Amino acid sequence: PDLLPRLDGIRRKASVMMGLSTDEAS
């Protein structure tokens, strides 16, 4: 029910922390 959305949320936050994007949406 929620595994893939939760993983994608973590992934998007990781993108910002790694400097790959300026925000989660991008």
mmCIF file of all heavy atoms, coordinates in Angstrom:
data_MODEL
# 
_entry.id   MODEL 
# 
loop_
_atom_site.group_PDB 
_atom_site.id 
_atom_site.type_symbol 
_atom_site.label_atom_id 
_atom_site.label_alt_id 
_atom_site.label_comp_id 
_atom_site.label_asym_id 
_atom_site.label_entity_id 
_atom_site.label_seq_id 
_atom_site.pdbx_PDB_ins_code 
_atom_site.Cartn_x 
_atom_site.Cartn_y 
_atom_site.Cartn_z 
_atom_site.occupancy 
_atom_site.B_iso_or_equiv 
_atom_site.pdbx_formal_charge 
_atom_site.auth_seq_id 
_atom_site.auth_comp_id 
_atom_site.auth_asym_id 
_atom_site.auth_atom_id 
_atom_site.pdbx_PDB_model_num 
ATOM 1   N N   . PRO A 1 1  ? 0.782  -1.245 0.000   1.00 0.00 ? 1  PRO A N   1 
ATOM 2   C CA  . PRO A 1 1  ? 0.000  0.000  0.000   1.00 0.00 ? 1  PRO A CA  1 
ATOM 3   C C   . PRO A 1 1  ? 0.810  1.290  0.000   1.00 0.00 ? 1  PRO A C   1 
ATOM 4   O O   . PRO A 1 1  ? 0.354  2.300  -0.553  1.00 0.00 ? 1  PRO A O   1 
ATOM 5   C CB  . PRO A 1 1  ? -0.844 -0.114 1.273   1.00 0.00 ? 1  PRO A CB  1 
ATOM 6   C CG  . PRO A 1 1  ? -0.123 -1.103 2.132   1.00 0.00 ? 1  PRO A CG  1 
ATOM 7   C CD  . PRO A 1 1  ? 0.499  -2.074 1.188   1.00 0.00 ? 1  PRO A CD  1 
ATOM 8   N N   . ASP A 1 2  ? 1.997  1.294  0.624   1.00 0.00 ? 2  ASP A N   1 
ATOM 9   C CA  . ASP A 1 2  ? 2.719  2.568  0.690   1.00 0.00 ? 2  ASP A CA  1 
ATOM 10  C C   . ASP A 1 2  ? 4.229  2.454  0.519   1.00 0.00 ? 2  ASP A C   1 
ATOM 11  O O   . ASP A 1 2  ? 4.941  3.444  0.667   1.00 0.00 ? 2  ASP A O   1 
ATOM 12  C CB  . ASP A 1 2  ? 2.422  3.282  2.009   1.00 0.00 ? 2  ASP A CB  1 
ATOM 13  C CG  . ASP A 1 2  ? 2.895  2.478  3.234   1.00 0.00 ? 2  ASP A CG  1 
ATOM 14  O OD1 . ASP A 1 2  ? 3.515  1.418  3.058   1.00 0.00 ? 2  ASP A OD1 1 
ATOM 15  O OD2 . ASP A 1 2  ? 2.633  2.930  4.359   1.00 0.00 ? 2  ASP A OD2 1 
ATOM 16  N N   . LEU A 1 3  ? 4.744  1.280  0.182   1.00 0.00 ? 3  LEU A N   1 
ATOM 17  C CA  . LEU A 1 3  ? 6.197  1.094  0.118   1.00 0.00 ? 3  LEU A CA  1 
ATOM 18  C C   . LEU A 1 3  ? 6.846  1.948  -0.971  1.00 0.00 ? 3  LEU A C   1 
ATOM 19  O O   . LEU A 1 3  ? 7.815  2.674  -0.708  1.00 0.00 ? 3  LEU A O   1 
ATOM 20  C CB  . LEU A 1 3  ? 6.542  -0.383 -0.106  1.00 0.00 ? 3  LEU A CB  1 
ATOM 21  C CG  . LEU A 1 3  ? 8.033  -0.712 -0.195  1.00 0.00 ? 3  LEU A CG  1 
ATOM 22  C CD1 . LEU A 1 3  ? 8.760  -0.311 1.076   1.00 0.00 ? 3  LEU A CD1 1 
ATOM 23  C CD2 . LEU A 1 3  ? 8.230  -2.198 -0.493  1.00 0.00 ? 3  LEU A CD2 1 
ATOM 24  N N   . LEU A 1 4  ? 6.334  1.876  -2.188  1.00 0.00 ? 4  LEU A N   1 
ATOM 25  C CA  . LEU A 1 4  ? 6.964  2.616  -3.288  1.00 0.00 ? 4  LEU A CA  1 
ATOM 26  C C   . LEU A 1 4  ? 6.883  4.129  -3.096  1.00 0.00 ? 4  LEU A C   1 
ATOM 27  O O   . LEU A 1 4  ? 7.877  4.840  -3.300  1.00 0.00 ? 4  LEU A O   1 
ATOM 28  C CB  . LEU A 1 4  ? 6.364  2.197  -4.634  1.00 0.00 ? 4  LEU A CB  1 
ATOM 29  C CG  . LEU A 1 4  ? 6.642  0.747  -5.064  1.00 0.00 ? 4  LEU A CG  1 
ATOM 30  C CD1 . LEU A 1 4  ? 6.036  0.475  -6.436  1.00 0.00 ? 4  LEU A CD1 1 
ATOM 31  C CD2 . LEU A 1 4  ? 8.140  0.454  -5.083  1.00 0.00 ? 4  LEU A CD2 1 
ATOM 32  N N   . PRO A 1 5  ? 5.715  4.696  -2.694  1.00 0.00 ? 5  PRO A N   1 
ATOM 33  C CA  . PRO A 1 5  ? 5.672  6.139  -2.430  1.00 0.00 ? 5  PRO A CA  1 
ATOM 34  C C   . PRO A 1 5  ? 6.630  6.553  -1.311  1.00 0.00 ? 5  PRO A C   1 
ATOM 35  O O   . PRO A 1 5  ? 7.253  7.622  -1.392  1.00 0.00 ? 5  PRO A O   1 
ATOM 36  C CB  . PRO A 1 5  ? 4.217  6.389  -2.039  1.00 0.00 ? 5  PRO A CB  1 
ATOM 37  C CG  . PRO A 1 5  ? 3.453  5.288  -2.685  1.00 0.00 ? 5  PRO A CG  1 
ATOM 38  C CD  . PRO A 1 5  ? 4.360  4.095  -2.626  1.00 0.00 ? 5  PRO A CD  1 
ATOM 39  N N   . ARG A 1 6  ? 6.764  5.717  -0.283  1.00 0.00 ? 6  ARG A N   1 
ATOM 40  C CA  . ARG A 1 6  ? 7.659  6.073  0.812   1.00 0.00 ? 6  ARG A CA  1 
ATOM 41  C C   . ARG A 1 6  ? 9.117  6.057  0.346   1.00 0.00 ? 6  ARG A C   1 
ATOM 42  O O   . ARG A 1 6  ? 9.894  6.945  0.687   1.00 0.00 ? 6  ARG A O   1 
ATOM 43  C CB  . ARG A 1 6  ? 7.472  5.107  1.980   1.00 0.00 ? 6  ARG A CB  1 
ATOM 44  C CG  . ARG A 1 6  ? 8.197  5.567  3.243   1.00 0.00 ? 6  ARG A CG  1 
ATOM 45  C CD  . ARG A 1 6  ? 7.908  4.685  4.415   1.00 0.00 ? 6  ARG A CD  1 
ATOM 46  N NE  . ARG A 1 6  ? 8.626  5.153  5.599   1.00 0.00 ? 6  ARG A NE  1 
ATOM 47  C CZ  . ARG A 1 6  ? 8.737  4.462  6.717   1.00 0.00 ? 6  ARG A CZ  1 
ATOM 48  N NH1 . ARG A 1 6  ? 8.163  3.268  6.822   1.00 0.00 ? 6  ARG A NH1 1 
ATOM 49  N NH2 . ARG A 1 6  ? 9.408  4.955  7.742   1.00 0.00 ? 6  ARG A NH2 1 
ATOM 50  N N   . LEU A 1 7  ? 9.466  5.041  -0.447  1.00 0.00 ? 7  LEU A N   1 
ATOM 51  C CA  . LEU A 1 7  ? 10.831 4.977  -0.972  1.00 0.00 ? 7  LEU A CA  1 
ATOM 52  C C   . LEU A 1 7  ? 11.125 6.167  -1.883  1.00 0.00 ? 7  LEU A C   1 
ATOM 53  O O   . LEU A 1 7  ? 12.228 6.716  -1.868  1.00 0.00 ? 7  LEU A O   1 
ATOM 54  C CB  . LEU A 1 7  ? 11.050 3.662  -1.730  1.00 0.00 ? 7  LEU A CB  1 
ATOM 55  C CG  . LEU A 1 7  ? 11.278 2.416  -0.877  1.00 0.00 ? 7  LEU A CG  1 
ATOM 56  C CD1 . LEU A 1 7  ? 11.200 1.160  -1.737  1.00 0.00 ? 7  LEU A CD1 1 
ATOM 57  C CD2 . LEU A 1 7  ? 12.643 2.497  -0.178  1.00 0.00 ? 7  LEU A CD2 1 
ATOM 58  N N   . ASP A 1 8  ? 10.137 6.565  -2.682  1.00 0.00 ? 8  ASP A N   1 
ATOM 59  C CA  . ASP A 1 8  ? 10.367 7.700  -3.569  1.00 0.00 ? 8  ASP A CA  1 
ATOM 60  C C   . ASP A 1 8  ? 10.503 8.991  -2.776  1.00 0.00 ? 8  ASP A C   1 
ATOM 61  O O   . ASP A 1 8  ? 11.289 9.876  -3.149  1.00 0.00 ? 8  ASP A O   1 
ATOM 62  C CB  . ASP A 1 8  ? 9.225  7.826  -4.580  1.00 0.00 ? 8  ASP A CB  1 
ATOM 63  C CG  . ASP A 1 8  ? 9.559  8.821  -5.688  1.00 0.00 ? 8  ASP A CG  1 
ATOM 64  O OD1 . ASP A 1 8  ? 10.552 8.590  -6.403  1.00 0.00 ? 8  ASP A OD1 1 
ATOM 65  O OD2 . ASP A 1 8  ? 8.851  9.837  -5.824  1.00 0.00 ? 8  ASP A OD2 1 
ATOM 66  N N   . GLY A 1 9  ? 9.771  9.129  -1.688  1.00 0.00 ? 9  GLY A N   1 
ATOM 67  C CA  . GLY A 1 9  ? 9.929  10.306 -0.840  1.00 0.00 ? 9  GLY A CA  1 
ATOM 68  C C   . GLY A 1 9  ? 11.315 10.390 -0.242  1.00 0.00 ? 9  GLY A C   1 
ATOM 69  O O   . GLY A 1 9  ? 11.930 11.464 -0.195  1.00 0.00 ? 9  GLY A O   1 
ATOM 70  N N   . ILE A 1 10 ? 11.831 9.249  0.221   1.00 0.00 ? 10 ILE A N   1 
ATOM 71  C CA  . ILE A 1 10 ? 13.201 9.198  0.755   1.00 0.00 ? 10 ILE A CA  1 
ATOM 72  C C   . ILE A 1 10 ? 14.192 9.537  -0.344  1.00 0.00 ? 10 ILE A C   1 
ATOM 73  O O   . ILE A 1 10 ? 15.148 10.299 -0.141  1.00 0.00 ? 10 ILE A O   1 
ATOM 74  C CB  . ILE A 1 10 ? 13.477 7.805  1.345   1.00 0.00 ? 10 ILE A CB  1 
ATOM 75  C CG1 . ILE A 1 10 ? 12.635 7.576  2.597   1.00 0.00 ? 10 ILE A CG1 1 
ATOM 76  C CG2 . ILE A 1 10 ? 14.968 7.630  1.648   1.00 0.00 ? 10 ILE A CG2 1 
ATOM 77  C CD1 . ILE A 1 10 ? 12.680 6.151  3.123   1.00 0.00 ? 10 ILE A CD1 1 
ATOM 78  N N   . ARG A 1 11 ? 13.958 8.979  -1.533  1.00 0.00 ? 11 ARG A N   1 
ATOM 79  C CA  . ARG A 1 11 ? 14.857 9.201  -2.665  1.00 0.00 ? 11 ARG A CA  1 
ATOM 80  C C   . ARG A 1 11 ? 14.923 10.679 -3.049  1.00 0.00 ? 11 ARG A C   1 
ATOM 81  O O   . ARG A 1 11 ? 16.000 11.217 -3.342  1.00 0.00 ? 11 ARG A O   1 
ATOM 82  C CB  . ARG A 1 11 ? 14.360 8.367  -3.857  1.00 0.00 ? 11 ARG A CB  1 
ATOM 83  C CG  . ARG A 1 11 ? 15.293 8.320  -5.052  1.00 0.00 ? 11 ARG A CG  1 
ATOM 84  C CD  . ARG A 1 11 ? 14.597 7.670  -6.244  1.00 0.00 ? 11 ARG A CD  1 
ATOM 85  N NE  . ARG A 1 11 ? 13.553 8.529  -6.775  1.00 0.00 ? 11 ARG A NE  1 
ATOM 86  C CZ  . ARG A 1 11 ? 13.776 9.533  -7.607  1.00 0.00 ? 11 ARG A CZ  1 
ATOM 87  N NH1 . ARG A 1 11 ? 15.008 9.814  -7.996  1.00 0.00 ? 11 ARG A NH1 1 
ATOM 88  N NH2 . ARG A 1 11 ? 12.776 10.273 -8.051  1.00 0.00 ? 11 ARG A NH2 1 
ATOM 89  N N   . ARG A 1 12 ? 13.789 11.352 -3.049  1.00 0.00 ? 12 ARG A N   1 
ATOM 90  C CA  . ARG A 1 12 ? 13.758 12.768 -3.422  1.00 0.00 ? 12 ARG A CA  1 
ATOM 91  C C   . ARG A 1 12 ? 14.467 13.632 -2.380  1.00 0.00 ? 12 ARG A C   1 
ATOM 92  O O   . ARG A 1 12 ? 15.161 14.592 -2.733  1.00 0.00 ? 12 ARG A O   1 
ATOM 93  C CB  . ARG A 1 12 ? 12.312 13.220 -3.633  1.00 0.00 ? 12 ARG A CB  1 
ATOM 94  C CG  . ARG A 1 12 ? 11.690 12.643 -4.896  1.00 0.00 ? 12 ARG A CG  1 
ATOM 95  C CD  . ARG A 1 12 ? 10.262 13.086 -5.110  1.00 0.00 ? 12 ARG A CD  1 
ATOM 96  N NE  . ARG A 1 12 ? 9.732  12.527 -6.346  1.00 0.00 ? 12 ARG A NE  1 
ATOM 97  C CZ  . ARG A 1 12 ? 9.909  13.059 -7.563  1.00 0.00 ? 12 ARG A CZ  1 
ATOM 98  N NH1 . ARG A 1 12 ? 10.581 14.205 -7.683  1.00 0.00 ? 12 ARG A NH1 1 
ATOM 99  N NH2 . ARG A 1 12 ? 9.417  12.483 -8.627  1.00 0.00 ? 12 ARG A NH2 1 
ATOM 100 N N   . LYS A 1 13 ? 14.298 13.305 -1.120  1.00 0.00 ? 13 LYS A N   1 
ATOM 101 C CA  . LYS A 1 13 ? 15.036 14.041 -0.085  1.00 0.00 ? 13 LYS A CA  1 
ATOM 102 C C   . LYS A 1 13 ? 16.529 13.788 -0.215  1.00 0.00 ? 13 LYS A C   1 
ATOM 103 O O   . LYS A 1 13 ? 17.354 14.694 -0.028  1.00 0.00 ? 13 LYS A O   1 
ATOM 104 C CB  . LYS A 1 13 ? 14.537 13.636 1.301   1.00 0.00 ? 13 LYS A CB  1 
ATOM 105 C CG  . LYS A 1 13 ? 13.159 14.204 1.651   1.00 0.00 ? 13 LYS A CG  1 
ATOM 106 C CD  . LYS A 1 13 ? 12.734 13.813 3.043   1.00 0.00 ? 13 LYS A CD  1 
ATOM 107 C CE  . LYS A 1 13 ? 11.467 14.561 3.470   1.00 0.00 ? 13 LYS A CE  1 
ATOM 108 N NZ  . LYS A 1 13 ? 10.324 14.292 2.595   1.00 0.00 ? 13 LYS A NZ  1 
ATOM 109 N N   . ALA A 1 14 ? 16.903 12.564 -0.565  1.00 0.00 ? 14 ALA A N   1 
ATOM 110 C CA  . ALA A 1 14 ? 18.311 12.231 -0.780  1.00 0.00 ? 14 ALA A CA  1 
ATOM 111 C C   . ALA A 1 14 ? 18.889 13.031 -1.947  1.00 0.00 ? 14 ALA A C   1 
ATOM 112 O O   . ALA A 1 14 ? 20.042 13.458 -1.920  1.00 0.00 ? 14 ALA A O   1 
ATOM 113 C CB  . ALA A 1 14 ? 18.470 10.736 -1.039  1.00 0.00 ? 14 ALA A CB  1 
ATOM 114 N N   . SER A 1 15 ? 18.078 13.262 -2.977  1.00 0.00 ? 15 SER A N   1 
ATOM 115 C CA  . SER A 1 15 ? 18.524 14.040 -4.128  1.00 0.00 ? 15 SER A CA  1 
ATOM 116 C C   . SER A 1 15 ? 18.957 15.433 -3.705  1.00 0.00 ? 15 SER A C   1 
ATOM 117 O O   . SER A 1 15 ? 19.997 15.945 -4.144  1.00 0.00 ? 15 SER A O   1 
ATOM 118 C CB  . SER A 1 15 ? 17.404 14.125 -5.164  1.00 0.00 ? 15 SER A CB  1 
ATOM 119 O OG  . SER A 1 15 ? 17.770 14.938 -6.261  1.00 0.00 ? 15 SER A OG  1 
ATOM 120 N N   . VAL A 1 16 ? 18.175 16.049 -2.840  1.00 0.00 ? 16 VAL A N   1 
ATOM 121 C CA  . VAL A 1 16 ? 18.506 17.392 -2.360  1.00 0.00 ? 16 VAL A CA  1 
ATOM 122 C C   . VAL A 1 16 ? 19.761 17.341 -1.498  1.00 0.00 ? 16 VAL A C   1 
ATOM 123 O O   . VAL A 1 16 ? 20.671 18.175 -1.637  1.00 0.00 ? 16 VAL A O   1 
ATOM 124 C CB  . VAL A 1 16 ? 17.327 17.984 -1.566  1.00 0.00 ? 16 VAL A CB  1 
ATOM 125 C CG1 . VAL A 1 16 ? 17.700 19.350 -0.997  1.00 0.00 ? 16 VAL A CG1 1 
ATOM 126 C CG2 . VAL A 1 16 ? 16.089 18.105 -2.460  1.00 0.00 ? 16 VAL A CG2 1 
ATOM 127 N N   . MET A 1 17 ? 19.858 16.366 -0.616  1.00 0.00 ? 17 MET A N   1 
ATOM 128 C CA  . MET A 1 17 ? 21.011 16.251 0.270   1.00 0.00 ? 17 MET A CA  1 
ATOM 129 C C   . MET A 1 17 ? 22.303 15.988 -0.500  1.00 0.00 ? 17 MET A C   1 
ATOM 130 O O   . MET A 1 17 ? 23.381 16.419 -0.094  1.00 0.00 ? 17 MET A O   1 
ATOM 131 C CB  . MET A 1 17 ? 20.776 15.136 1.288   1.00 0.00 ? 17 MET A CB  1 
ATOM 132 C CG  . MET A 1 17 ? 19.652 15.433 2.271   1.00 0.00 ? 17 MET A CG  1 
ATOM 133 S SD  . MET A 1 17 ? 19.217 14.021 3.320   1.00 0.00 ? 17 MET A SD  1 
ATOM 134 C CE  . MET A 1 17 ? 20.731 13.831 4.271   1.00 0.00 ? 17 MET A CE  1 
ATOM 135 N N   . MET A 1 18 ? 22.200 15.296 -1.634  1.00 0.00 ? 18 MET A N   1 
ATOM 136 C CA  . MET A 1 18 ? 23.375 14.987 -2.443  1.00 0.00 ? 18 MET A CA  1 
ATOM 137 C C   . MET A 1 18 ? 23.723 16.117 -3.408  1.00 0.00 ? 18 MET A C   1 
ATOM 138 O O   . MET A 1 18 ? 24.724 16.035 -4.130  1.00 0.00 ? 18 MET A O   1 
ATOM 139 C CB  . MET A 1 18 ? 23.148 13.685 -3.224  1.00 0.00 ? 18 MET A CB  1 
ATOM 140 C CG  . MET A 1 18 ? 22.926 12.466 -2.345  1.00 0.00 ? 18 MET A CG  1 
ATOM 141 S SD  . MET A 1 18 ? 22.472 10.970 -3.267  1.00 0.00 ? 18 MET A SD  1 
ATOM 142 C CE  . MET A 1 18 ? 24.089 10.297 -3.650  1.00 0.00 ? 18 MET A CE  1 
ATOM 143 N N   . GLY A 1 19 ? 22.890 17.154 -3.457  1.00 0.00 ? 19 GLY A N   1 
ATOM 144 C CA  . GLY A 1 19 ? 23.149 18.273 -4.349  1.00 0.00 ? 19 GLY A CA  1 
ATOM 145 C C   . GLY A 1 19 ? 22.759 18.010 -5.781  1.00 0.00 ? 19 GLY A C   1 
ATOM 146 O O   . GLY A 1 19 ? 23.186 18.735 -6.695  1.00 0.00 ? 19 GLY A O   1 
ATOM 147 N N   . LEU A 1 20 ? 21.908 17.001 -6.002  1.00 0.00 ? 20 LEU A N   1 
ATOM 148 C CA  . LEU A 1 20 ? 21.491 16.653 -7.357  1.00 0.00 ? 20 LEU A CA  1 
ATOM 149 C C   . LEU A 1 20 ? 20.314 17.497 -7.824  1.00 0.00 ? 20 LEU A C   1 
ATOM 150 O O   . LEU A 1 20 ? 20.069 17.629 -9.016  1.00 0.00 ? 20 LEU A O   1 
ATOM 151 C CB  . LEU A 1 20 ? 21.124 15.172 -7.435  1.00 0.00 ? 20 LEU A CB  1 
ATOM 152 C CG  . LEU A 1 20 ? 22.260 14.190 -7.130  1.00 0.00 ? 20 LEU A CG  1 
ATOM 153 C CD1 . LEU A 1 20 ? 21.709 12.778 -6.984  1.00 0.00 ? 20 LEU A CD1 1 
ATOM 154 C CD2 . LEU A 1 20 ? 23.311 14.236 -8.238  1.00 0.00 ? 20 LEU A CD2 1 
ATOM 155 N N   . SER A 1 21 ? 19.545 18.032 -6.866  1.00 0.00 ? 21 SER A N   1 
ATOM 156 C CA  . SER A 1 21 ? 18.412 18.894 -7.200  1.00 0.00 ? 21 SER A CA  1 
ATOM 157 C C   . SER A 1 21 ? 18.261 19.952 -6.118  1.00 0.00 ? 21 SER A C   1 
ATOM 158 O O   . SER A 1 21 ? 18.727 19.772 -4.987  1.00 0.00 ? 21 SER A O   1 
ATOM 159 C CB  . SER A 1 21 ? 17.126 18.071 -7.332  1.00 0.00 ? 21 SER A CB  1 
ATOM 160 O OG  . SER A 1 21 ? 16.797 17.438 -6.111  1.00 0.00 ? 21 SER A OG  1 
ATOM 161 N N   . THR A 1 22 ? 17.628 21.036 -6.468  1.00 0.00 ? 22 THR A N   1 
ATOM 162 C CA  . THR A 1 22 ? 17.451 22.133 -5.515  1.00 0.00 ? 22 THR A CA  1 
ATOM 163 C C   . THR A 1 22 ? 16.290 21.884 -4.568  1.00 0.00 ? 22 THR A C   1 
ATOM 164 O O   . THR A 1 22 ? 16.240 22.434 -3.475  1.00 0.00 ? 22 THR A O   1 
ATOM 165 C CB  . THR A 1 22 ? 17.222 23.463 -6.262  1.00 0.00 ? 22 THR A CB  1 
ATOM 166 O OG1 . THR A 1 22 ? 16.099 23.314 -7.141  1.00 0.00 ? 22 THR A OG1 1 
ATOM 167 C CG2 . THR A 1 22 ? 18.454 23.833 -7.071  1.00 0.00 ? 22 THR A CG2 1 
ATOM 168 N N   . ASP A 1 23 ? 15.343 21.049 -5.009  1.00 0.00 ? 23 ASP A N   1 
ATOM 169 C CA  . ASP A 1 23 ? 14.212 20.708 -4.147  1.00 0.00 ? 23 ASP A CA  1 
ATOM 170 C C   . ASP A 1 23 ? 13.702 19.332 -4.540  1.00 0.00 ? 23 ASP A C   1 
ATOM 171 O O   . ASP A 1 23 ? 14.108 18.754 -5.564  1.00 0.00 ? 23 ASP A O   1 
ATOM 172 C CB  . ASP A 1 23 ? 13.097 21.747 -4.240  1.00 0.00 ? 23 ASP A CB  1 
ATOM 173 C CG  . ASP A 1 23 ? 12.664 22.021 -5.669  1.00 0.00 ? 23 ASP A CG  1 
ATOM 174 O OD1 . ASP A 1 23 ? 12.428 21.042 -6.421  1.00 0.00 ? 23 ASP A OD1 1 
ATOM 175 O OD2 . ASP A 1 23 ? 12.569 23.201 -6.054  1.00 0.00 ? 23 ASP A OD2 1 
ATOM 176 N N   . GLU A 1 24 ? 12.808 18.794 -3.737  1.00 0.00 ? 24 GLU A N   1 
ATOM 177 C CA  . GLU A 1 24 ? 12.307 17.438 -3.967  1.00 0.00 ? 24 GLU A CA  1 
ATOM 178 C C   . GLU A 1 24 ? 11.510 17.339 -5.266  1.00 0.00 ? 24 GLU A C   1 
ATOM 179 O O   . GLU A 1 24 ? 11.582 16.342 -5.982  1.00 0.00 ? 24 GLU A O   1 
ATOM 180 C CB  . GLU A 1 24 ? 11.452 16.993 -2.784  1.00 0.00 ? 24 GLU A CB  1 
ATOM 181 C CG  . GLU A 1 24 ? 12.228 16.868 -1.480  1.00 0.00 ? 24 GLU A CG  1 
ATOM 182 C CD  . GLU A 1 24 ? 11.330 16.556 -0.304  1.00 0.00 ? 24 GLU A CD  1 
ATOM 183 O OE1 . GLU A 1 24 ? 10.365 15.788 -0.483  1.00 0.00 ? 24 GLU A OE1 1 
ATOM 184 O OE2 . GLU A 1 24 ? 11.587 17.088 0.793   1.00 0.00 ? 24 GLU A OE2 1 
ATOM 185 N N   . ALA A 1 25 ? 10.769 18.369 -5.587  1.00 0.00 ? 25 ALA A N   1 
ATOM 186 C CA  . ALA A 1 25 ? 9.917  18.330 -6.776  1.00 0.00 ? 25 ALA A CA  1 
ATOM 187 C C   . ALA A 1 25 ? 10.730 18.229 -8.061  1.00 0.00 ? 25 ALA A C   1 
ATOM 188 O O   . ALA A 1 25 ? 10.266 17.643 -9.046  1.00 0.00 ? 25 ALA A O   1 
ATOM 189 C CB  . ALA A 1 25 ? 9.019  19.557 -6.818  1.00 0.00 ? 25 ALA A CB  1 
ATOM 190 N N   . SER A 1 26 ? 11.925 18.798 -8.067  1.00 0.00 ? 26 SER A N   1 
ATOM 191 C CA  . SER A 1 26 ? 12.743 18.804 -9.285  1.00 0.00 ? 26 SER A CA  1 
ATOM 192 C C   . SER A 1 26 ? 13.696 17.618 -9.373  1.00 0.00 ? 26 SER A C   1 
ATOM 193 O O   . SER A 1 26 ? 14.501 17.540 -10.297 1.00 0.00 ? 26 SER A O   1 
ATOM 194 C CB  . SER A 1 26 ? 13.537 20.109 -9.372  1.00 0.00 ? 26 SER A CB  1 
ATOM 195 O OG  . SER A 1 26 ? 14.448 20.215 -8.283  1.00 0.00 ? 26 SER A OG  1 
# 
